[in-house]
Amino acid sequence: MKATKLLTTATVGALLFGLSAAAHSAEWRYAHEEFEGDVQDVFAYAFKDYIEENSDHSVQVYRFGELGESDDIMEQTQNGILQFVNQSPGFTGALIPSAQIFFIPYLMPTDMESVLEFFDESKAINEMFPKIYAEHGLELLKMYPEGEMVVTADEPITTPADFDNKKIRVMTNPLLAETYNAFGATATPLPWGEVYGGLQTGIIDGQENPIFWIESGGLYEVSPHLTFTSHGWFTTAMMANQDFYEGLPEEDQQLIRDAADAAYDHTIEHIQGLAEESLAKIQEASDEVTVTRLTEEQIQAFRERAPQVEARFLEMTDETGAQLLEQFKADLKAVSGE
């Protein structure tokens, strides 16, 4: 009788413990803009693994197209349907104009060592941007680089004149449109899901993306001429719905911050050599692909058009943009040692 009572008590205790654990566990939803195995997907799954290995929570990851386009997943995050979203400033720029700073051409370095040091050390990235995102109900957890931007087109591009009469697809980002207009092209905003078909049918003549995305999306099949212009890096941001995040106990907030740090470290390791691997796959897959790397003299012709884009950025963003740009330049100067 006594043994039975002890057993019953132990069983009830175990059930209560299980119910208590279940009450404190949750499934969080996280959406990003890329395909399986792409950089944002690598980050998302590293984040998911850390959360699930270190808590009773689980994370459901949604890839590109599963919940709509980039604008859709941002809206779902702001409305609390999603807890986490990964979205590049290319799309966030319409919501947060100062995030467009990454599209001022030739502002950022293009060598990976300098870029990574900038993201690690930048006051603009790590102190100013979180406050800016918070004004829009978003808890910025990480900004990170994905890769150097590469232009693809129906013929090689070596001078601004080569962009004449060319419709170049851009994200729905006013400053990026300004950049390609400054370069001499006709900037054509188009959702990511329509880019391949647009290139294939001639609705657009070219586009820009990191090389791994050109490879995974098969864009080289319909836009085979690749040009490395050295004008910038593709940057992205991982964030949470701010009400959700602030409503969590401190231990869960710390868990999320630690998971974002772990995902960042894993992703930065992942992108080492990724561009070279992706380019090799493209060249192996197609004999039609050409690769053009602009000389310093050729780059200068494009760089001379950057000031008008910077001026437009300042017009779009008032004092916030001016302060951010000033800090960006100070941070970049510290990285370069100049």
Foldseek 3Di string as FASTA:
>chain_A
DVVVVVVVVVVVVVVVVVVVLVVPEEEAEEEEAADPPALVNLLVVLLQVLDVVPGVYGYDYHYHPPQYFPVRVVVCQQVPVHFKYKFFCLACCVVQVLSCPQLLWPLDFADLVLQVLLQVDFCLQPPVVQVSVVVSQKRWQGKDFRHAKKKFFQDADQALVVQAAFEEEGAPHVLNCVLNVLSHHRYDYDTPVCVQVCLQVVVGGMYMDGLLRCQVVVSCVSGAEIERLRTGTTMMTMIGRNVVLVPDPPVVNVSSSVSSVSSRVSSSVVSVCSSVVSVVSSVVVDVSHDYHYHDPVSSVNSVVSSVVSLVVSCVVNPPSSVVSSVSSNVSSCVSVVD
